[in-house]
Amino acid sequence: MPSSVDWDALRSAATDVTRHAYVPYSGYAVGAAAYADDGRLLVGCNVENAAYGVTLCAECSLVSALVTGGGGRLTAFTCVDGRGRVITPCGRCRQLLWEHGGPDLIVETPRGVVTMSDLLPQAFGPEDLDR
């Protein structure tokens, strides 16, 4: 795992973006930050909706920024709550992160930094569609 990731800066960016979270229903702001393979810093926050099922997680917002900014691959990722505490992505978002970062994406979790393959073992991905 690369040791050159400035996790404090990444966590700070994720915490800062929680101020933009739209959370009128749960009050649970989430911010996400990641580096792309070209060095870009990407951020995202959660955007709730009265129809709860269409709420966008912070990770969705971040991946949208990656794609609309020209694409690429995620290389390092963190996610925090509104108080800046590191949290773990939900199952849906783990799948999204796998798609855009792959097995070697490094992810900060409450228990430390792990690879995406540790966080989502035996993941389903694009290569499985060829079977």
N, C-alpha and C. Protein backbone atom coordinates (compact mmCIF):
# COMPACT_ATOMS: atom_id res chain seq x y z
N MET A 1 0.83 -1.19 0.00
CA MET A 1 0.00 0.00 0.00
C MET A 1 0.88 1.25 0.00
N PRO A 2 0.55 2.21 -0.85
CA PRO A 2 1.35 3.44 -0.89
C PRO A 2 1.29 4.18 0.45
N SER A 3 2.44 4.61 0.94
CA SER A 3 2.47 5.35 2.19
C SER A 3 2.46 6.86 1.94
N SER A 4 2.47 7.26 0.69
CA SER A 4 2.56 8.67 0.37
C SER A 4 1.22 9.40 0.40
N VAL A 5 0.15 8.72 0.73
CA VAL A 5 -1.16 9.37 0.79
C VAL A 5 -1.24 10.24 2.04
N ASP A 6 -1.61 11.48 1.86
CA ASP A 6 -1.81 12.39 2.99
C ASP A 6 -3.23 12.20 3.50
N TRP A 7 -3.40 11.22 4.40
CA TRP A 7 -4.73 10.89 4.89
C TRP A 7 -5.36 12.04 5.66
N ASP A 8 -4.54 12.84 6.36
CA ASP A 8 -5.08 13.99 7.09
C ASP A 8 -5.72 14.99 6.12
N ALA A 9 -5.06 15.26 5.01
CA ALA A 9 -5.60 16.19 4.01
C ALA A 9 -6.85 15.61 3.36
N LEU A 10 -6.82 14.33 3.07
CA LEU A 10 -7.98 13.69 2.44
C LEU A 10 -9.17 13.73 3.39
N ARG A 11 -8.94 13.39 4.65
CA ARG A 11 -9.99 13.42 5.67
C ARG A 11 -10.52 14.85 5.87
N SER A 12 -9.65 15.82 5.83
CA SER A 12 -10.04 17.22 5.98
C SER A 12 -10.95 17.66 4.83
N ALA A 13 -10.60 17.25 3.61
CA ALA A 13 -11.43 17.59 2.45
C ALA A 13 -12.81 16.94 2.57
N ALA A 14 -12.84 15.69 3.05
CA ALA A 14 -14.12 15.00 3.24
C ALA A 14 -14.95 15.68 4.32
N THR A 15 -14.30 16.10 5.38
CA THR A 15 -15.01 16.79 6.46
C THR A 15 -15.55 18.13 5.98
N ASP A 16 -14.73 18.87 5.23
CA ASP A 16 -15.17 20.17 4.72
C ASP A 16 -16.41 20.06 3.84
N VAL A 17 -16.47 19.05 3.00
CA VAL A 17 -17.59 18.94 2.07
C VAL A 17 -18.89 18.52 2.77
N THR A 18 -18.80 18.01 3.99
CA THR A 18 -20.04 17.67 4.71
C THR A 18 -20.90 18.91 4.93
N ARG A 19 -20.30 20.08 4.91
CA ARG A 19 -21.07 21.33 5.07
C ARG A 19 -22.06 21.55 3.93
N HIS A 20 -21.83 20.89 2.81
CA HIS A 20 -22.72 21.03 1.66
C HIS A 20 -23.74 19.90 1.55
N ALA A 21 -23.65 18.95 2.46
CA ALA A 21 -24.59 17.82 2.42
C ALA A 21 -26.02 18.32 2.58
N TYR A 22 -26.92 17.71 1.85
CA TYR A 22 -28.34 18.03 1.92
C TYR A 22 -29.01 16.90 2.69
N VAL A 23 -29.22 17.12 3.99
CA VAL A 23 -29.69 16.05 4.87
C VAL A 23 -30.87 16.50 5.75
N PRO A 24 -31.95 17.01 5.14
CA PRO A 24 -33.05 17.51 5.96
C PRO A 24 -33.84 16.41 6.67
N TYR A 25 -33.69 15.17 6.29
CA TYR A 25 -34.49 14.09 6.86
C TYR A 25 -33.74 13.34 7.95
N SER A 26 -32.52 12.94 7.68
CA SER A 26 -31.75 12.17 8.67
C SER A 26 -30.87 13.06 9.55
N GLY A 27 -30.46 14.19 9.00
CA GLY A 27 -29.50 15.03 9.71
C GLY A 27 -28.10 14.43 9.77
N TYR A 28 -27.86 13.36 9.02
CA TYR A 28 -26.59 12.64 9.05
C TYR A 28 -25.77 13.01 7.81
N ALA A 29 -24.95 14.03 7.94
CA ALA A 29 -24.11 14.47 6.84
C ALA A 29 -22.94 13.52 6.65
N VAL A 30 -22.61 13.24 5.38
CA VAL A 30 -21.47 12.40 5.04
C VAL A 30 -20.67 13.10 3.95
N GLY A 31 -19.37 13.05 4.09
CA GLY A 31 -18.48 13.59 3.08
C GLY A 31 -17.50 12.52 2.65
N ALA A 32 -17.13 12.55 1.40
CA ALA A 32 -16.16 11.60 0.86
C ALA A 32 -15.11 12.36 0.08
N ALA A 33 -13.89 11.86 0.11
CA ALA A 33 -12.80 12.46 -0.66
C ALA A 33 -11.91 11.34 -1.18
N ALA A 34 -11.37 11.55 -2.37
CA ALA A 34 -10.49 10.55 -2.98
C ALA A 34 -9.53 11.24 -3.92
N TYR A 35 -8.43 10.55 -4.16
CA TYR A 35 -7.50 10.97 -5.20
C TYR A 35 -7.73 10.09 -6.40
N ALA A 36 -7.64 10.70 -7.58
CA ALA A 36 -7.70 9.96 -8.83
C ALA A 36 -6.28 9.66 -9.29
N ASP A 37 -6.17 8.77 -10.24
CA ASP A 37 -4.85 8.37 -10.72
C ASP A 37 -4.07 9.49 -11.40
N ASP A 38 -4.76 10.57 -11.77
CA ASP A 38 -4.06 11.72 -12.35
C ASP A 38 -3.75 12.80 -11.31
N GLY A 39 -4.00 12.49 -10.02
CA GLY A 39 -3.69 13.42 -8.94
C GLY A 39 -4.83 14.32 -8.51
N ARG A 40 -5.94 14.31 -9.26
CA ARG A 40 -7.08 15.14 -8.86
C ARG A 40 -7.60 14.75 -7.49
N LEU A 41 -8.00 15.76 -6.72
CA LEU A 41 -8.71 15.54 -5.47
C LEU A 41 -10.19 15.67 -5.77
N LEU A 42 -10.95 14.65 -5.45
CA LEU A 42 -12.39 14.63 -5.70
C LEU A 42 -13.12 14.57 -4.38
N VAL A 43 -14.25 15.26 -4.29
CA VAL A 43 -15.06 15.21 -3.08
C VAL A 43 -16.51 14.97 -3.45
N GLY A 44 -17.27 14.52 -2.49
CA GLY A 44 -18.71 14.33 -2.67
C GLY A 44 -19.39 14.35 -1.31
N CYS A 45 -20.67 14.68 -1.32
CA CYS A 45 -21.45 14.67 -0.09
C CYS A 45 -22.80 14.02 -0.39
N ASN A 46 -23.47 13.58 0.67
CA ASN A 46 -24.76 12.94 0.46
C ASN A 46 -25.85 13.97 0.19
N VAL A 47 -26.81 13.55 -0.64
CA VAL A 47 -27.94 14.39 -1.04
C VAL A 47 -29.21 13.58 -0.84
N GLU A 48 -29.94 13.89 0.23
CA GLU A 48 -31.15 13.13 0.53
C GLU A 48 -32.32 13.57 -0.34
N ASN A 49 -33.35 12.76 -0.30
CA ASN A 49 -34.56 13.00 -1.06
C ASN A 49 -35.73 12.50 -0.24
N ALA A 50 -36.88 13.17 -0.35
CA ALA A 50 -38.06 12.74 0.39
C ALA A 50 -38.44 11.31 0.06
N ALA A 51 -38.14 10.86 -1.15
CA ALA A 51 -38.31 9.45 -1.52
C ALA A 51 -36.98 8.78 -1.17
N TYR A 52 -36.85 8.30 0.05
CA TYR A 52 -35.57 7.85 0.59
C TYR A 52 -34.74 6.97 -0.35
N GLY A 53 -35.37 6.12 -1.11
CA GLY A 53 -34.65 5.21 -1.98
C GLY A 53 -33.83 5.88 -3.06
N VAL A 54 -34.11 7.13 -3.36
CA VAL A 54 -33.34 7.81 -4.41
C VAL A 54 -32.32 8.79 -3.82
N THR A 55 -32.05 8.67 -2.54
CA THR A 55 -31.00 9.46 -1.91
C THR A 55 -29.66 9.09 -2.52
N LEU A 56 -28.80 10.08 -2.70
CA LEU A 56 -27.45 9.84 -3.23
C LEU A 56 -26.45 9.84 -2.09
N CYS A 57 -25.69 8.80 -1.99
CA CYS A 57 -24.62 8.73 -0.99
C CYS A 57 -23.48 9.65 -1.42
N ALA A 58 -22.63 9.99 -0.48
CA ALA A 58 -21.47 10.84 -0.78
C ALA A 58 -20.57 10.18 -1.82
N GLU A 59 -20.45 8.86 -1.75
CA GLU A 59 -19.61 8.14 -2.70
C GLU A 59 -20.15 8.28 -4.12
N CYS A 60 -21.49 8.29 -4.26
CA CYS A 60 -22.10 8.49 -5.58
C CYS A 60 -21.75 9.86 -6.13
N SER A 61 -21.82 10.85 -5.26
CA SER A 61 -21.47 12.22 -5.65
C SER A 61 -20.01 12.31 -6.09
N LEU A 62 -19.14 11.65 -5.35
CA LEU A 62 -17.71 11.65 -5.67
C LEU A 62 -17.44 10.96 -7.00
N VAL A 63 -18.04 9.80 -7.22
CA VAL A 63 -17.83 9.08 -8.49
C VAL A 63 -18.39 9.88 -9.65
N SER A 64 -19.50 10.58 -9.43
CA SER A 64 -20.02 11.46 -10.48
C SER A 64 -19.02 12.54 -10.83
N ALA A 65 -18.35 13.10 -9.82
CA ALA A 65 -17.32 14.11 -10.07
C ALA A 65 -16.16 13.51 -10.85
N LEU A 66 -15.79 12.27 -10.54
CA LEU A 66 -14.72 11.60 -11.28
C LEU A 66 -15.09 11.46 -12.76
N VAL A 67 -16.28 10.98 -13.02
CA VAL A 67 -16.71 10.72 -14.39
C VAL A 67 -16.91 12.02 -15.16
N THR A 68 -17.59 12.99 -14.55
CA THR A 68 -17.83 14.25 -15.27
C THR A 68 -16.56 15.07 -15.43
N GLY A 69 -15.55 14.78 -14.60
CA GLY A 69 -14.27 15.48 -14.71
C GLY A 69 -13.31 14.84 -15.70
N GLY A 70 -13.76 13.83 -16.41
CA GLY A 70 -12.92 13.22 -17.43
C GLY A 70 -12.59 11.77 -17.19
N GLY A 71 -13.06 11.21 -16.09
CA GLY A 71 -12.84 9.78 -15.83
C GLY A 71 -11.55 9.53 -15.10
N GLY A 72 -11.07 8.33 -15.22
CA GLY A 72 -9.87 7.90 -14.51
C GLY A 72 -10.22 6.87 -13.47
N ARG A 73 -9.26 6.58 -12.60
CA ARG A 73 -9.43 5.57 -11.56
C ARG A 73 -9.17 6.20 -10.20
N LEU A 74 -9.91 5.78 -9.21
CA LEU A 74 -9.68 6.21 -7.84
C LEU A 74 -8.48 5.43 -7.29
N THR A 75 -7.64 6.11 -6.50
CA THR A 75 -6.47 5.45 -5.94
C THR A 75 -6.47 5.43 -4.41
N ALA A 76 -7.07 6.41 -3.77
CA ALA A 76 -7.13 6.48 -2.30
C ALA A 76 -8.45 7.14 -1.93
N PHE A 77 -9.14 6.59 -0.92
CA PHE A 77 -10.49 7.04 -0.59
C PHE A 77 -10.70 7.07 0.92
N THR A 78 -11.44 8.07 1.38
CA THR A 78 -11.92 8.11 2.75
C THR A 78 -13.33 8.67 2.79
N CYS A 79 -14.03 8.38 3.87
CA CYS A 79 -15.41 8.83 4.04
C CYS A 79 -15.59 9.15 5.52
N VAL A 80 -16.24 10.28 5.81
CA VAL A 80 -16.43 10.71 7.20
C VAL A 80 -17.87 11.13 7.45
N ASP A 81 -18.23 11.13 8.74
CA ASP A 81 -19.53 11.68 9.12
C ASP A 81 -19.38 13.18 9.35
N GLY A 82 -20.45 13.84 9.73
CA GLY A 82 -20.44 15.28 9.91
C GLY A 82 -19.52 15.79 10.99
N ARG A 83 -19.05 14.90 11.86
CA ARG A 83 -18.11 15.29 12.91
C ARG A 83 -16.66 14.97 12.54
N GLY A 84 -16.48 14.47 11.30
CA GLY A 84 -15.14 14.17 10.83
C GLY A 84 -14.62 12.80 11.21
N ARG A 85 -15.48 11.94 11.75
CA ARG A 85 -15.07 10.58 12.11
C ARG A 85 -15.12 9.68 10.89
N VAL A 86 -14.07 8.92 10.66
CA VAL A 86 -14.01 8.01 9.53
C VAL A 86 -15.10 6.95 9.68
N ILE A 87 -15.83 6.72 8.59
CA ILE A 87 -16.86 5.68 8.54
C ILE A 87 -16.58 4.77 7.36
N THR A 88 -17.23 3.63 7.34
CA THR A 88 -17.03 2.65 6.28
C THR A 88 -18.15 2.76 5.26
N PRO A 89 -17.86 2.73 3.97
CA PRO A 89 -18.91 2.80 2.95
C PRO A 89 -19.89 1.63 3.07
N CYS A 90 -21.13 1.90 2.74
CA CYS A 90 -22.15 0.85 2.74
C CYS A 90 -21.88 -0.13 1.58
N GLY A 91 -22.62 -1.21 1.55
CA GLY A 91 -22.42 -2.23 0.52
C GLY A 91 -22.59 -1.70 -0.89
N ARG A 92 -23.63 -0.92 -1.11
CA ARG A 92 -23.87 -0.35 -2.44
C ARG A 92 -22.68 0.49 -2.88
N CYS A 93 -22.17 1.29 -1.96
CA CYS A 93 -21.07 2.18 -2.31
C CYS A 93 -19.76 1.42 -2.46
N ARG A 94 -19.60 0.32 -1.75
CA ARG A 94 -18.41 -0.51 -1.95
C ARG A 94 -18.38 -1.01 -3.40
N GLN A 95 -19.54 -1.40 -3.89
CA GLN A 95 -19.62 -1.87 -5.28
C GLN A 95 -19.26 -0.74 -6.25
N LEU A 96 -19.75 0.45 -5.98
CA LEU A 96 -19.45 1.62 -6.82
C LEU A 96 -17.95 1.93 -6.78
N LEU A 97 -17.36 1.88 -5.59
CA LEU A 97 -15.92 2.14 -5.47
C LEU A 97 -15.10 1.07 -6.18
N TRP A 98 -15.56 -0.18 -6.12
CA TRP A 98 -14.87 -1.27 -6.83
C TRP A 98 -14.84 -0.97 -8.32
N GLU A 99 -15.96 -0.55 -8.85
CA GLU A 99 -16.07 -0.28 -10.29
C GLU A 99 -15.10 0.81 -10.73
N HIS A 100 -14.87 1.81 -9.88
CA HIS A 100 -14.07 2.97 -10.28
C HIS A 100 -12.69 3.04 -9.64
N GLY A 101 -12.37 2.05 -8.81
CA GLY A 101 -11.04 2.00 -8.21
C GLY A 101 -10.40 0.64 -8.30
N GLY A 102 -11.22 -0.39 -8.34
CA GLY A 102 -10.72 -1.75 -8.47
C GLY A 102 -10.16 -2.31 -7.17
N PRO A 103 -9.58 -3.49 -7.26
CA PRO A 103 -9.13 -4.19 -6.06
C PRO A 103 -8.00 -3.50 -5.32
N ASP A 104 -7.23 -2.66 -6.00
CA ASP A 104 -6.08 -2.02 -5.37
C ASP A 104 -6.37 -0.65 -4.79
N LEU A 105 -7.59 -0.15 -4.94
CA LEU A 105 -7.96 1.13 -4.33
C LEU A 105 -7.72 1.01 -2.82
N ILE A 106 -7.02 1.98 -2.26
CA ILE A 106 -6.81 1.95 -0.81
C ILE A 106 -7.87 2.80 -0.14
N VAL A 107 -8.42 2.25 0.93
CA VAL A 107 -9.58 2.85 1.60
C VAL A 107 -9.28 2.99 3.08
N GLU A 108 -9.48 4.19 3.61
CA GLU A 108 -9.34 4.41 5.04
C GLU A 108 -10.63 3.98 5.71
N THR A 109 -10.53 3.15 6.74
CA THR A 109 -11.68 2.68 7.50
C THR A 109 -11.43 2.98 8.98
N PRO A 110 -12.45 2.85 9.81
CA PRO A 110 -12.23 3.06 11.25
C PRO A 110 -11.16 2.14 11.84
N ARG A 111 -10.90 1.01 11.20
CA ARG A 111 -9.90 0.07 11.69
C ARG A 111 -8.55 0.19 10.98
N GLY A 112 -8.42 1.17 10.10
CA GLY A 112 -7.15 1.36 9.39
C GLY A 112 -7.34 1.34 7.89
N VAL A 113 -6.23 1.44 7.18
CA VAL A 113 -6.24 1.48 5.72
C VAL A 113 -6.18 0.06 5.18
N VAL A 114 -7.09 -0.23 4.25
CA VAL A 114 -7.16 -1.55 3.62
C VAL A 114 -7.33 -1.36 2.11
N THR A 115 -7.14 -2.43 1.37
CA THR A 115 -7.43 -2.37 -0.06
C THR A 115 -8.91 -2.66 -0.28
N MET A 116 -9.37 -2.28 -1.43
CA MET A 116 -10.76 -2.54 -1.78
C MET A 116 -11.05 -4.04 -1.80
N SER A 117 -10.06 -4.84 -2.19
CA SER A 117 -10.28 -6.29 -2.20
C SER A 117 -10.46 -6.84 -0.78
N ASP A 118 -9.89 -6.16 0.22
CA ASP A 118 -10.13 -6.54 1.62
C ASP A 118 -11.53 -6.12 2.07
N LEU A 119 -11.96 -4.97 1.59
CA LEU A 119 -13.25 -4.42 2.00
C LEU A 119 -14.43 -5.09 1.29
N LEU A 120 -14.18 -5.57 0.07
CA LEU A 120 -15.23 -6.23 -0.71
C LEU A 120 -14.64 -7.50 -1.34
N PRO A 121 -14.43 -8.54 -0.51
CA PRO A 121 -13.82 -9.75 -1.05
C PRO A 121 -14.73 -10.44 -2.06
N GLN A 122 -14.11 -11.07 -3.03
CA GLN A 122 -14.84 -11.80 -4.07
C GLN A 122 -15.86 -10.91 -4.78
N ALA A 123 -15.45 -9.69 -5.07
CA ALA A 123 -16.35 -8.70 -5.67
C ALA A 123 -16.80 -9.09 -7.07
N PHE A 124 -17.98 -8.64 -7.42
CA PHE A 124 -18.52 -8.76 -8.76
C PHE A 124 -18.11 -7.51 -9.52
N GLY A 125 -17.59 -7.66 -10.72
CA GLY A 125 -17.16 -6.52 -11.49
C GLY A 125 -17.43 -6.69 -12.97
N PRO A 126 -16.98 -5.73 -13.77
CA PRO A 126 -17.23 -5.78 -15.22
C PRO A 126 -16.75 -7.06 -15.89
N GLU A 127 -15.63 -7.61 -15.39
CA GLU A 127 -15.10 -8.84 -15.99
C GLU A 127 -16.07 -10.01 -15.83
N ASP A 128 -16.95 -9.96 -14.85
CA ASP A 128 -17.93 -11.04 -14.64
C ASP A 128 -19.03 -11.01 -15.69
N LEU A 129 -19.21 -9.90 -16.36
CA LEU A 129 -20.25 -9.80 -17.39
C LEU A 129 -19.86 -10.53 -18.65
N ASP A 130 -18.59 -10.86 -18.82
CA ASP A 130 -18.11 -11.57 -19.99
C ASP A 130 -18.34 -13.08 -19.90
N ARG A 131 -18.75 -13.54 -18.73
CA ARG A 131 -18.94 -14.99 -18.52
C ARG A 131 -20.22 -15.48 -19.12
